[in-house]
Amino acid sequence: MNSKSLKLFLAGPTAATLAFLMVQAVTIRAEPILFTFAGTSSGFVGSTPFTDTLFSIQFFGDTSAVTGDGIFEINGSLATITLEHIGSGSFLGGTRMFARGRVPQEYGTVAFGLQGGNVVLLLSGPALLGYDLRSSFQPVTFATVADDPLERFRDISTTLGPVDFTSAGNVTFRAVTVPEPAGLGLLSAAAALLWCWRRRRTK
């Protein structure tokens, strides 16, 4: 493409093309997402006790797999647990995330549990109101967790062995999305067109 053709191209459909690419890049919703619960807990791995130990549970999912309206759920392909001084392992059974955040309730909830089974770790509070598992969520810390679900955190199968949580507290929840390569490609193309367009306008 010679310089004259490039100028004609930039003078014609570029603005509309640029807008289209930006909209497409922003509206792509199929993004990997990582949910993390981190805090302190006491319990057992097999017959080995641990007390006031730092823990982290990470759940990997995809925003396009979120189902529900007002009450949201996503099944994950991988979830891991790390216990300080003990080690890290993967949950052997299928796991899921759950959220309830429909307005005008006074608070929202997020929870981690087993596919087709019990929720075993649940947090609730006003900060979670409206959250639907489809986007990043800035870290927020909860001094306590719901007792009833935690009572079902028993003999959960992991590669570390069966894990029991008898207590948990000061739990921080966060979520981070990672754009898919397709979305990144569209953003790169849009950025390149924007650079060309702005360069033309300044000449």
C-alpha atoms as a PDB file:
ATOM      1  CA  MET A   1       0.000   0.000   0.000  1.00  0.00           C
ATOM      2  CA  ASN A   2       1.537   3.348  -1.101  1.00  0.00           C
ATOM      3  CA  SER A   3       1.330   6.530   0.946  1.00  0.00           C
ATOM      4  CA  LYS A   4      -1.599   7.867  -1.083  1.00  0.00           C
ATOM      5  CA  SER A   5      -3.595   4.665  -0.569  1.00  0.00           C
ATOM      6  CA  LEU A   6      -2.768   4.696   3.127  1.00  0.00           C
ATOM      7  CA  LYS A   7      -4.059   8.270   3.443  1.00  0.00           C
ATOM      8  CA  LEU A   8      -7.283   7.328   1.653  1.00  0.00           C
ATOM      9  CA  PHE A   9      -7.669   4.327   3.938  1.00  0.00           C
ATOM     10  CA  LEU A  10      -7.108   6.433   7.033  1.00  0.00           C
ATOM     11  CA  ALA A  11      -9.453   9.105   5.796  1.00  0.00           C
ATOM     12  CA  GLY A  12     -12.224   6.607   5.089  1.00  0.00           C
ATOM     13  CA  PRO A  13     -13.372   3.721   7.283  1.00  0.00           C
ATOM     14  CA  THR A  14     -10.606   3.861   9.891  1.00  0.00           C
ATOM     15  CA  ALA A  15     -12.607   5.630  12.586  1.00  0.00           C
ATOM     16  CA  ALA A  16     -15.472   3.167  12.261  1.00  0.00           C
ATOM     17  CA  THR A  17     -13.062   0.216  12.104  1.00  0.00           C
ATOM     18  CA  LEU A  18     -11.222   1.467  15.154  1.00  0.00           C
ATOM     19  CA  ALA A  19     -14.451   1.869  17.094  1.00  0.00           C
ATOM     20  CA  PHE A  20     -15.562  -1.612  16.057  1.00  0.00           C
ATOM     21  CA  LEU A  21     -12.280  -3.214  17.164  1.00  0.00           C
ATOM     22  CA  MET A  22     -12.319  -1.409  20.494  1.00  0.00           C
ATOM     23  CA  VAL A  23     -15.910  -2.460  21.190  1.00  0.00           C
ATOM     24  CA  GLN A  24     -15.161  -6.059  20.228  1.00  0.00           C
ATOM     25  CA  ALA A  25     -12.059  -6.154  22.411  1.00  0.00           C
ATOM     26  CA  VAL A  26     -13.898  -4.751  25.413  1.00  0.00           C
ATOM     27  CA  THR A  27     -17.011  -6.903  25.020  1.00  0.00           C
ATOM     28  CA  ILE A  28     -15.210 -10.254  24.763  1.00  0.00           C
ATOM     29  CA  ARG A  29     -16.417 -11.952  27.936  1.00  0.00           C
ATOM     30  CA  ALA A  30     -14.752 -15.347  27.703  1.00  0.00           C
ATOM     31  CA  GLU A  31     -11.867 -14.652  30.048  1.00  0.00           C
ATOM     32  CA  PRO A  32      -9.992 -16.948  32.410  1.00  0.00           C
ATOM     33  CA  ILE A  33     -10.570 -15.865  35.988  1.00  0.00           C
ATOM     34  CA  LEU A  34      -8.742 -16.729  39.196  1.00  0.00           C
ATOM     35  CA  PHE A  35     -10.578 -16.567  42.535  1.00  0.00           C
ATOM     36  CA  THR A  36      -8.508 -16.604  45.731  1.00  0.00           C
ATOM     37  CA  PHE A  37      -9.450 -17.076  49.373  1.00  0.00           C
ATOM     38  CA  ALA A  38      -6.541 -16.478  51.773  1.00  0.00           C
ATOM     39  CA  GLY A  39      -6.494 -16.335  55.566  1.00  0.00           C
ATOM     40  CA  THR A  40      -5.711 -18.386  58.654  1.00  0.00           C
ATOM     41  CA  SER A  41      -7.229 -21.713  59.588  1.00  0.00           C
ATOM     42  CA  SER A  42      -6.986 -24.652  61.952  1.00  0.00           C
ATOM     43  CA  GLY A  43      -7.775 -28.259  61.189  1.00  0.00           C
ATOM     44  CA  PHE A  44      -6.215 -31.462  59.919  1.00  0.00           C
ATOM     45  CA  VAL A  45      -4.542 -32.904  56.860  1.00  0.00           C
ATOM     46  CA  GLY A  46      -5.194 -36.592  57.385  1.00  0.00           C
ATOM     47  CA  SER A  47      -4.249 -37.125  61.035  1.00  0.00           C
ATOM     48  CA  THR A  48      -1.805 -34.189  61.124  1.00  0.00           C
ATOM     49  CA  PRO A  49      -3.204 -31.136  62.939  1.00  0.00           C
ATOM     50  CA  PHE A  50      -2.448 -27.520  62.075  1.00  0.00           C
ATOM     51  CA  THR A  51      -3.331 -24.421  64.094  1.00  0.00           C
ATOM     52  CA  ASP A  52      -3.648 -20.772  63.028  1.00  0.00           C
ATOM     53  CA  THR A  53      -1.953 -21.648  59.763  1.00  0.00           C
ATOM     54  CA  LEU A  54      -1.921 -19.405  56.707  1.00  0.00           C
ATOM     55  CA  PHE A  55      -3.904 -20.922  53.856  1.00  0.00           C
ATOM     56  CA  SER A  56      -4.779 -20.094  50.292  1.00  0.00           C
ATOM     57  CA  ILE A  57      -7.474 -21.659  48.110  1.00  0.00           C
ATOM     58  CA  GLN A  58      -7.350 -20.795  44.409  1.00  0.00           C
ATOM     59  CA  PHE A  59     -10.055 -21.616  41.910  1.00  0.00           C
ATOM     60  CA  PHE A  60      -9.540 -21.317  38.150  1.00  0.00           C
ATOM     61  CA  GLY A  61     -12.572 -20.814  35.910  1.00  0.00           C
ATOM     62  CA  ASP A  62     -13.864 -19.005  32.844  1.00  0.00           C
ATOM     63  CA  THR A  63     -16.260 -16.071  32.926  1.00  0.00           C
ATOM     64  CA  SER A  64     -18.232 -17.475  29.979  1.00  0.00           C
ATOM     65  CA  ALA A  65     -19.145 -20.494  32.118  1.00  0.00           C
ATOM     66  CA  VAL A  66     -20.930 -18.457  34.811  1.00  0.00           C
ATOM     67  CA  THR A  67     -24.612 -19.343  35.027  1.00  0.00           C
ATOM     68  CA  GLY A  68     -27.527 -17.835  36.913  1.00  0.00           C
ATOM     69  CA  ASP A  69     -29.278 -14.523  37.469  1.00  0.00           C
ATOM     70  CA  GLY A  70     -29.079 -13.114  40.987  1.00  0.00           C
ATOM     71  CA  ILE A  71     -27.634 -16.413  42.188  1.00  0.00           C
ATOM     72  CA  PHE A  72     -24.506 -17.233  40.191  1.00  0.00           C
ATOM     73  CA  GLU A  73     -22.409 -20.372  39.857  1.00  0.00           C
ATOM     74  CA  ILE A  74     -19.324 -21.497  37.971  1.00  0.00           C
ATOM     75  CA  ASN A  75     -17.711 -24.930  37.855  1.00  0.00           C
ATOM     76  CA  GLY A  76     -13.912 -25.024  37.738  1.00  0.00           C
ATOM     77  CA  SER A  77     -11.416 -27.279  36.028  1.00  0.00           C
ATOM     78  CA  LEU A  78      -8.721 -26.740  38.657  1.00  0.00           C
ATOM     79  CA  ALA A  79      -8.639 -25.677  42.308  1.00  0.00           C
ATOM     80  CA  THR A  80      -5.652 -25.757  44.629  1.00  0.00           C
ATOM     81  CA  ILE A  81      -4.973 -25.407  48.349  1.00  0.00           C
ATOM     82  CA  THR A  82      -1.778 -24.226  50.052  1.00  0.00           C
ATOM     83  CA  LEU A  83      -1.113 -24.587  53.780  1.00  0.00           C
ATOM     84  CA  GLU A  84       1.938 -22.876  55.264  1.00  0.00           C
ATOM     85  CA  HIS A  85       4.621 -25.351  56.397  1.00  0.00           C
ATOM     86  CA  ILE A  86       2.561 -28.234  55.022  1.00  0.00           C
ATOM     87  CA  GLY A  87       2.511 -27.800  51.267  1.00  0.00           C
ATOM     88  CA  SER A  88       0.326 -27.304  48.223  1.00  0.00           C
ATOM     89  CA  GLY A  89      -2.045 -29.659  46.471  1.00  0.00           C
ATOM     90  CA  SER A  90      -5.031 -29.879  44.155  1.00  0.00           C
ATOM     91  CA  PHE A  91      -8.620 -30.705  45.007  1.00  0.00           C
ATOM     92  CA  LEU A  92      -9.367 -34.128  43.555  1.00  0.00           C
ATOM     93  CA  GLY A  93     -13.101 -33.705  43.086  1.00  0.00           C
ATOM     94  CA  GLY A  94     -14.828 -31.097  40.969  1.00  0.00           C
ATOM     95  CA  THR A  95     -15.223 -27.713  42.647  1.00  0.00           C
ATOM     96  CA  ARG A  96     -17.420 -24.670  42.107  1.00  0.00           C
ATOM     97  CA  MET A  97     -17.838 -21.029  43.021  1.00  0.00           C
ATOM     98  CA  PHE A  98     -21.131 -19.543  44.106  1.00  0.00           C
ATOM     99  CA  ALA A  99     -22.279 -15.935  44.534  1.00  0.00           C
ATOM    100  CA  ARG A 100     -25.479 -14.192  45.517  1.00  0.00           C
ATOM    101  CA  GLY A 101     -25.465 -10.472  44.990  1.00  0.00           C
ATOM    102  CA  ARG A 102     -28.811  -9.282  43.694  1.00  0.00           C
ATOM    103  CA  VAL A 103     -29.843  -5.792  44.761  1.00  0.00           C
ATOM    104  CA  PRO A 104     -31.656  -4.715  46.972  1.00  0.00           C
ATOM    105  CA  GLN A 105     -30.385  -7.242  49.482  1.00  0.00           C
ATOM    106  CA  GLU A 106     -28.281  -5.724  52.232  1.00  0.00           C
ATOM    107  CA  TYR A 107     -25.280  -7.950  51.552  1.00  0.00           C
ATOM    108  CA  GLY A 108     -23.795 -10.298  48.990  1.00  0.00           C
ATOM    109  CA  THR A 109     -22.072 -13.649  49.348  1.00  0.00           C
ATOM    110  CA  VAL A 110     -19.323 -15.658  47.677  1.00  0.00           C
ATOM    111  CA  ALA A 111     -18.611 -19.285  48.440  1.00  0.00           C
ATOM    112  CA  PHE A 112     -16.370 -22.193  47.489  1.00  0.00           C
ATOM    113  CA  GLY A 113     -17.647 -25.754  47.398  1.00  0.00           C
ATOM    114  CA  LEU A 114     -17.870 -29.079  45.624  1.00  0.00           C
ATOM    115  CA  GLN A 115     -19.606 -29.742  42.324  1.00  0.00           C
ATOM    116  CA  GLY A 116     -22.917 -31.368  43.070  1.00  0.00           C
ATOM    117  CA  GLY A 117     -22.172 -31.116  46.777  1.00  0.00           C
ATOM    118  CA  ASN A 118     -21.809 -28.777  49.702  1.00  0.00           C
ATOM    119  CA  VAL A 119     -20.545 -25.232  49.936  1.00  0.00           C
ATOM    120  CA  VAL A 120     -17.688 -25.460  52.449  1.00  0.00           C
ATOM    121  CA  LEU A 121     -16.380 -21.881  52.728  1.00  0.00           C
ATOM    122  CA  LEU A 122     -18.696 -18.863  52.569  1.00  0.00           C
ATOM    123  CA  LEU A 123     -18.148 -15.131  53.016  1.00  0.00           C
ATOM    124  CA  SER A 124     -20.815 -12.452  53.198  1.00  0.00           C
ATOM    125  CA  GLY A 125     -20.965  -8.693  53.487  1.00  0.00           C
ATOM    126  CA  PRO A 126     -22.063  -5.421  51.819  1.00  0.00           C
ATOM    127  CA  ALA A 127     -18.844  -5.259  49.777  1.00  0.00           C
ATOM    128  CA  LEU A 128     -20.000  -8.314  47.805  1.00  0.00           C
ATOM    129  CA  LEU A 129     -23.379  -6.839  46.881  1.00  0.00           C
ATOM    130  CA  GLY A 130     -23.933  -7.102  43.133  1.00  0.00           C
ATOM    131  CA  TYR A 131     -20.902  -9.299  42.425  1.00  0.00           C
ATOM    132  CA  ASP A 132     -21.629 -11.947  39.757  1.00  0.00           C
ATOM    133  CA  LEU A 133     -18.308 -13.872  39.349  1.00  0.00           C
ATOM    134  CA  ARG A 134     -17.796 -12.400  35.859  1.00  0.00           C
ATOM    135  CA  SER A 135     -15.177  -9.756  36.613  1.00  0.00           C
ATOM    136  CA  SER A 136     -12.174  -8.903  38.731  1.00  0.00           C
ATOM    137  CA  PHE A 137     -12.840  -8.061  42.369  1.00  0.00           C
ATOM    138  CA  GLN A 138     -10.559  -5.952  44.535  1.00  0.00           C
ATOM    139  CA  PRO A 139      -9.319  -7.709  47.697  1.00  0.00           C
ATOM    140  CA  VAL A 140     -11.635  -7.452  50.687  1.00  0.00           C
ATOM    141  CA  THR A 141     -11.033  -9.092  54.078  1.00  0.00           C
ATOM    142  CA  PHE A 142     -13.652 -10.709  56.311  1.00  0.00           C
ATOM    143  CA  ALA A 143     -12.907 -11.265  59.994  1.00  0.00           C
ATOM    144  CA  THR A 144     -15.228 -14.271  60.166  1.00  0.00           C
ATOM    145  CA  VAL A 145     -16.688 -16.850  57.796  1.00  0.00           C
ATOM    146  CA  ALA A 146     -20.098 -18.487  57.943  1.00  0.00           C
ATOM    147  CA  ASP A 147     -20.112 -21.333  60.479  1.00  0.00           C
ATOM    148  CA  ASP A 148     -22.617 -23.678  58.825  1.00  0.00           C
ATOM    149  CA  PRO A 149     -20.694 -24.191  55.550  1.00  0.00           C
ATOM    150  CA  LEU A 150     -17.387 -24.451  57.426  1.00  0.00           C
ATOM    151  CA  GLU A 151     -18.797 -27.340  59.446  1.00  0.00           C
ATOM    152  CA  ARG A 152     -19.012 -29.236  56.132  1.00  0.00           C
ATOM    153  CA  PHE A 153     -15.329 -28.642  55.328  1.00  0.00           C
ATOM    154  CA  ARG A 154     -14.525 -32.210  56.353  1.00  0.00           C
ATOM    155  CA  ASP A 155     -12.514 -34.940  54.598  1.00  0.00           C
ATOM    156  CA  ILE A 156     -12.200 -32.907  51.419  1.00  0.00           C
ATOM    157  CA  SER A 157     -10.087 -34.948  49.014  1.00  0.00           C
ATOM    158  CA  THR A 158      -6.843 -33.291  47.880  1.00  0.00           C
ATOM    159  CA  THR A 159      -3.438 -34.486  46.694  1.00  0.00           C
ATOM    160  CA  LEU A 160      -2.156 -33.515  50.174  1.00  0.00           C
ATOM    161  CA  GLY A 161      -4.643 -35.950  51.702  1.00  0.00           C
ATOM    162  CA  PRO A 162      -8.098 -35.390  53.215  1.00  0.00           C
ATOM    163  CA  VAL A 163      -8.376 -31.829  54.550  1.00  0.00           C
ATOM    164  CA  ASP A 164     -10.568 -30.657  57.442  1.00  0.00           C
ATOM    165  CA  PHE A 165     -11.052 -27.004  58.413  1.00  0.00           C
ATOM    166  CA  THR A 166     -12.289 -26.657  61.979  1.00  0.00           C
ATOM    167  CA  SER A 167     -11.981 -22.849  61.950  1.00  0.00           C
ATOM    168  CA  ALA A 168     -11.030 -20.020  59.606  1.00  0.00           C
ATOM    169  CA  GLY A 169     -10.751 -16.272  59.970  1.00  0.00           C
ATOM    170  CA  ASN A 170      -9.426 -13.013  58.518  1.00  0.00           C
ATOM    171  CA  VAL A 171     -10.115 -14.365  55.043  1.00  0.00           C
ATOM    172  CA  THR A 172      -9.351 -12.147  52.060  1.00  0.00           C
ATOM    173  CA  PHE A 173     -11.260 -12.735  48.831  1.00  0.00           C
ATOM    174  CA  ARG A 174     -10.159 -11.469  45.438  1.00  0.00           C
ATOM    175  CA  ALA A 175     -10.732 -12.240  41.759  1.00  0.00           C
ATOM    176  CA  VAL A 176      -8.491 -11.493  38.791  1.00  0.00           C
ATOM    177  CA  THR A 177      -9.392 -11.887  35.113  1.00  0.00           C
ATOM    178  CA  VAL A 178      -6.804 -12.553  32.410  1.00  0.00           C
ATOM    179  CA  PRO A 179      -7.730 -11.394  28.876  1.00  0.00           C
ATOM    180  CA  GLU A 180      -7.842 -14.109  26.235  1.00  0.00           C
ATOM    181  CA  PRO A 181      -5.278 -13.892  23.377  1.00  0.00           C
ATOM    182  CA  ALA A 182      -8.083 -12.951  20.968  1.00  0.00           C
ATOM    183  CA  GLY A 183      -9.007  -9.975  23.125  1.00  0.00           C
ATOM    184  CA  LEU A 184      -5.374  -8.939  23.431  1.00  0.00           C
ATOM    185  CA  GLY A 185      -4.979  -9.213  19.647  1.00  0.00           C
ATOM    186  CA  LEU A 186      -7.968  -6.964  19.030  1.00  0.00           C
ATOM    187  CA  LEU A 187      -6.667  -4.425  21.520  1.00  0.00           C
ATOM    188  CA  SER A 188      -3.247  -4.458  19.796  1.00  0.00           C
ATOM    189  CA  ALA A 189      -4.837  -3.981  16.365  1.00  0.00           C
ATOM    190  CA  ALA A 190      -6.983  -1.144  17.683  1.00  0.00           C
ATOM    191  CA  ALA A 191      -3.962   0.502  19.298  1.00  0.00           C
ATOM    192  CA  ALA A 192      -1.982   0.280  16.022  1.00  0.00           C
ATOM    193  CA  LEU A 193      -4.837   1.834  14.031  1.00  0.00           C
ATOM    194  CA  LEU A 194      -5.231   4.555  16.639  1.00  0.00           C
ATOM    195  CA  TRP A 195      -1.528   5.395  16.375  1.00  0.00           C
ATOM    196  CA  CYS A 196      -1.732   5.622  12.556  1.00  0.00           C
ATOM    197  CA  TRP A 197      -4.899   7.696  12.713  1.00  0.00           C
ATOM    198  CA  ARG A 198      -3.550  10.163  15.252  1.00  0.00           C
ATOM    199  CA  ARG A 199      -0.272  10.466  13.302  1.00  0.00           C
ATOM    200  CA  ARG A 200      -2.210  11.355  10.160  1.00  0.00           C
ATOM    201  CA  ARG A 201      -4.296  13.979  12.000  1.00  0.00           C
ATOM    202  CA  THR A 202      -1.176  15.714  13.365  1.00  0.00           C
ATOM    203  CA  LYS A 203       0.430  16.051   9.918  1.00  0.00           C
END
